[in-house]
Amino acid sequence: GLFWRVHALEVSTSLAWFALVTTASTWLLAFAYRNTKFQLKHRVAVRREDAVAREMARKLADEKKMSRKEKDE
């Protein structure tokens, strides 16, 4: 398309390099995302931890029939 006409590149000779660079770029992006995905999940979990703990404490306080050992578990 336009890229080939603007740079006056021959499609057949440049296609291999274009495919190679595209594949390498895709792999690098996937690698970078894989490394940051855990950090994002951890950050979300830390933010939700207090709210979940409060909610569980409220539910356990309502359950009068449970023994202390069961609540600790």
N, C-alpha and C. Protein backbone atom coordinates (compact mmCIF):
# COMPACT_ATOMS: atom_id res chain seq x y z
N GLY A 1 0.78 -1.16 0.00
CA GLY A 1 0.00 0.00 0.00
C GLY A 1 0.84 1.25 0.00
N LEU A 2 0.40 2.17 0.77
CA LEU A 2 0.99 3.50 0.83
C LEU A 2 2.43 3.46 1.31
N PHE A 3 2.73 2.62 2.29
CA PHE A 3 4.09 2.52 2.82
C PHE A 3 5.08 2.18 1.72
N TRP A 4 4.72 1.24 0.87
CA TRP A 4 5.63 0.80 -0.19
C TRP A 4 5.85 1.90 -1.22
N ARG A 5 4.78 2.65 -1.55
CA ARG A 5 4.90 3.71 -2.56
C ARG A 5 5.67 4.91 -2.02
N VAL A 6 5.43 5.29 -0.77
CA VAL A 6 6.10 6.46 -0.20
C VAL A 6 7.60 6.23 -0.11
N HIS A 7 8.01 5.07 0.32
CA HIS A 7 9.43 4.78 0.49
C HIS A 7 10.07 4.16 -0.75
N ALA A 8 9.30 3.98 -1.78
CA ALA A 8 9.77 3.41 -3.05
C ALA A 8 10.50 2.08 -2.83
N LEU A 9 9.88 1.21 -2.03
CA LEU A 9 10.47 -0.10 -1.76
C LEU A 9 9.88 -1.14 -2.70
N GLU A 10 10.70 -2.08 -3.06
CA GLU A 10 10.22 -3.21 -3.84
C GLU A 10 9.59 -4.19 -2.86
N VAL A 11 8.35 -4.56 -3.09
CA VAL A 11 7.60 -5.39 -2.16
C VAL A 11 8.23 -6.76 -1.97
N SER A 12 8.62 -7.40 -3.02
CA SER A 12 9.12 -8.78 -2.93
C SER A 12 10.42 -8.87 -2.13
N THR A 13 11.31 -7.90 -2.23
CA THR A 13 12.58 -7.98 -1.50
C THR A 13 12.42 -7.54 -0.04
N SER A 14 11.47 -6.67 0.23
CA SER A 14 11.30 -6.15 1.59
C SER A 14 10.34 -6.97 2.43
N LEU A 15 9.60 -7.86 1.81
CA LEU A 15 8.57 -8.61 2.52
C LEU A 15 9.15 -9.48 3.64
N ALA A 16 10.27 -10.11 3.41
CA ALA A 16 10.89 -10.96 4.43
C ALA A 16 11.30 -10.12 5.64
N TRP A 17 11.93 -8.97 5.40
CA TRP A 17 12.32 -8.10 6.52
C TRP A 17 11.10 -7.57 7.26
N PHE A 18 10.07 -7.19 6.52
CA PHE A 18 8.85 -6.68 7.13
C PHE A 18 8.22 -7.75 8.02
N ALA A 19 8.15 -8.97 7.54
CA ALA A 19 7.58 -10.07 8.33
C ALA A 19 8.43 -10.35 9.56
N LEU A 20 9.74 -10.33 9.41
CA LEU A 20 10.64 -10.58 10.53
C LEU A 20 10.51 -9.51 11.61
N VAL A 21 10.50 -8.26 11.22
CA VAL A 21 10.39 -7.15 12.18
C VAL A 21 9.02 -7.16 12.85
N THR A 22 7.97 -7.45 12.09
CA THR A 22 6.62 -7.53 12.66
C THR A 22 6.53 -8.65 13.69
N THR A 23 7.09 -9.81 13.39
CA THR A 23 7.08 -10.93 14.32
C THR A 23 7.88 -10.61 15.58
N ALA A 24 9.04 -10.01 15.42
CA ALA A 24 9.87 -9.65 16.58
C ALA A 24 9.18 -8.61 17.45
N SER A 25 8.54 -7.63 16.84
CA SER A 25 7.83 -6.60 17.61
C SER A 25 6.67 -7.20 18.38
N THR A 26 5.94 -8.09 17.74
CA THR A 26 4.81 -8.75 18.40
C THR A 26 5.29 -9.57 19.59
N TRP A 27 6.36 -10.30 19.42
CA TRP A 27 6.91 -11.11 20.52
C TRP A 27 7.37 -10.23 21.67
N LEU A 28 8.04 -9.12 21.36
CA LEU A 28 8.52 -8.22 22.42
C LEU A 28 7.36 -7.61 23.19
N LEU A 29 6.30 -7.22 22.50
CA LEU A 29 5.13 -6.67 23.19
C LEU A 29 4.48 -7.72 24.08
N ALA A 30 4.36 -8.95 23.59
CA ALA A 30 3.77 -10.03 24.40
C ALA A 30 4.64 -10.31 25.61
N PHE A 31 5.95 -10.30 25.44
CA PHE A 31 6.87 -10.53 26.55
C PHE A 31 6.75 -9.44 27.61
N ALA A 32 6.67 -8.19 27.17
CA ALA A 32 6.55 -7.07 28.11
C ALA A 32 5.22 -7.14 28.86
N TYR A 33 4.13 -7.49 28.18
CA TYR A 33 2.83 -7.59 28.83
C TYR A 33 2.82 -8.72 29.84
N ARG A 34 3.44 -9.83 29.50
CA ARG A 34 3.48 -10.98 30.41
C ARG A 34 4.19 -10.60 31.71
N ASN A 35 5.23 -9.79 31.62
CA ASN A 35 5.97 -9.39 32.82
C ASN A 35 5.21 -8.38 33.67
N THR A 36 4.37 -7.55 33.08
CA THR A 36 3.66 -6.54 33.86
C THR A 36 2.30 -7.01 34.33
N LYS A 37 1.77 -8.07 33.75
CA LYS A 37 0.44 -8.55 34.10
C LYS A 37 0.37 -8.94 35.58
N PHE A 38 1.38 -9.63 36.10
CA PHE A 38 1.38 -10.04 37.50
C PHE A 38 1.40 -8.83 38.41
N GLN A 39 2.19 -7.81 38.06
CA GLN A 39 2.27 -6.61 38.89
C GLN A 39 0.92 -5.90 38.96
N LEU A 40 0.21 -5.85 37.85
CA LEU A 40 -1.10 -5.22 37.84
C LEU A 40 -2.09 -6.00 38.69
N LYS A 41 -2.08 -7.32 38.57
CA LYS A 41 -2.98 -8.15 39.38
C LYS A 41 -2.67 -7.99 40.87
N HIS A 42 -1.39 -7.94 41.21
CA HIS A 42 -1.00 -7.79 42.61
C HIS A 42 -1.47 -6.44 43.16
N ARG A 43 -1.32 -5.38 42.37
CA ARG A 43 -1.74 -4.05 42.81
C ARG A 43 -3.25 -4.01 43.07
N VAL A 44 -4.03 -4.65 42.20
CA VAL A 44 -5.48 -4.70 42.39
C VAL A 44 -5.82 -5.51 43.63
N ALA A 45 -5.13 -6.62 43.85
CA ALA A 45 -5.40 -7.46 45.01
C ALA A 45 -5.10 -6.72 46.31
N VAL A 46 -4.03 -5.96 46.34
CA VAL A 46 -3.68 -5.20 47.55
C VAL A 46 -4.74 -4.16 47.85
N ARG A 47 -5.26 -3.51 46.82
CA ARG A 47 -6.29 -2.49 47.02
C ARG A 47 -7.59 -3.10 47.52
N ARG A 48 -7.91 -4.30 47.09
CA ARG A 48 -9.17 -4.93 47.48
C ARG A 48 -9.08 -5.65 48.82
N GLU A 49 -7.89 -5.90 49.30
CA GLU A 49 -7.70 -6.73 50.49
C GLU A 49 -8.44 -6.18 51.71
N ASP A 50 -8.33 -4.88 51.98
CA ASP A 50 -8.99 -4.30 53.16
C ASP A 50 -10.51 -4.41 53.06
N ALA A 51 -11.05 -4.15 51.89
CA ALA A 51 -12.50 -4.22 51.71
C ALA A 51 -13.00 -5.65 51.91
N VAL A 52 -12.28 -6.61 51.39
CA VAL A 52 -12.68 -8.02 51.55
C VAL A 52 -12.58 -8.44 53.01
N ALA A 53 -11.53 -8.00 53.70
CA ALA A 53 -11.38 -8.34 55.12
C ALA A 53 -12.52 -7.75 55.94
N ARG A 54 -12.90 -6.50 55.66
CA ARG A 54 -14.02 -5.88 56.39
C ARG A 54 -15.32 -6.63 56.14
N GLU A 55 -15.55 -7.00 54.88
CA GLU A 55 -16.78 -7.71 54.54
C GLU A 55 -16.84 -9.07 55.22
N MET A 56 -15.72 -9.79 55.23
CA MET A 56 -15.70 -11.10 55.89
C MET A 56 -15.89 -10.96 57.40
N ALA A 57 -15.29 -9.95 58.00
CA ALA A 57 -15.46 -9.73 59.44
C ALA A 57 -16.92 -9.44 59.76
N ARG A 58 -17.57 -8.67 58.92
CA ARG A 58 -18.99 -8.36 59.12
C ARG A 58 -19.84 -9.62 59.01
N LYS A 59 -19.55 -10.46 58.02
CA LYS A 59 -20.32 -11.70 57.86
C LYS A 59 -20.09 -12.65 59.03
N LEU A 60 -18.85 -12.75 59.48
CA LEU A 60 -18.55 -13.65 60.59
C LEU A 60 -19.15 -13.15 61.89
N ALA A 61 -19.26 -11.85 62.06
CA ALA A 61 -19.88 -11.30 63.27
C ALA A 61 -21.36 -11.64 63.31
N ASP A 62 -21.99 -11.73 62.15
CA ASP A 62 -23.41 -12.07 62.08
C ASP A 62 -23.67 -13.54 62.40
N GLU A 63 -22.70 -14.39 62.18
CA GLU A 63 -22.86 -15.82 62.40
C GLU A 63 -22.57 -16.15 63.86
N LYS A 64 -23.60 -16.23 64.67
CA LYS A 64 -23.42 -16.50 66.10
C LYS A 64 -23.18 -17.98 66.38
N LYS A 65 -23.60 -18.85 65.50
CA LYS A 65 -23.52 -20.29 65.74
C LYS A 65 -22.11 -20.85 65.51
N MET A 66 -21.25 -20.12 64.84
CA MET A 66 -19.92 -20.63 64.54
C MET A 66 -19.02 -20.54 65.77
N SER A 67 -18.19 -21.55 65.95
CA SER A 67 -17.23 -21.51 67.05
C SER A 67 -16.06 -20.60 66.68
N ARG A 68 -15.27 -20.24 67.66
CA ARG A 68 -14.12 -19.35 67.41
C ARG A 68 -13.11 -20.02 66.47
N LYS A 69 -12.94 -21.33 66.62
CA LYS A 69 -12.00 -22.06 65.77
C LYS A 69 -12.43 -21.99 64.31
N GLU A 70 -13.72 -22.16 64.05
CA GLU A 70 -14.24 -22.08 62.69
C GLU A 70 -14.05 -20.68 62.10
N LYS A 71 -14.24 -19.66 62.92
CA LYS A 71 -14.07 -18.29 62.45
C LYS A 71 -12.61 -18.00 62.09
N ASP A 72 -11.68 -18.56 62.86
CA ASP A 72 -10.27 -18.34 62.59
C ASP A 72 -9.84 -18.98 61.28
N GLU A 73 -10.49 -20.07 60.92
CA GLU A 73 -10.16 -20.73 59.66
C GLU A 73 -10.64 -19.89 58.52
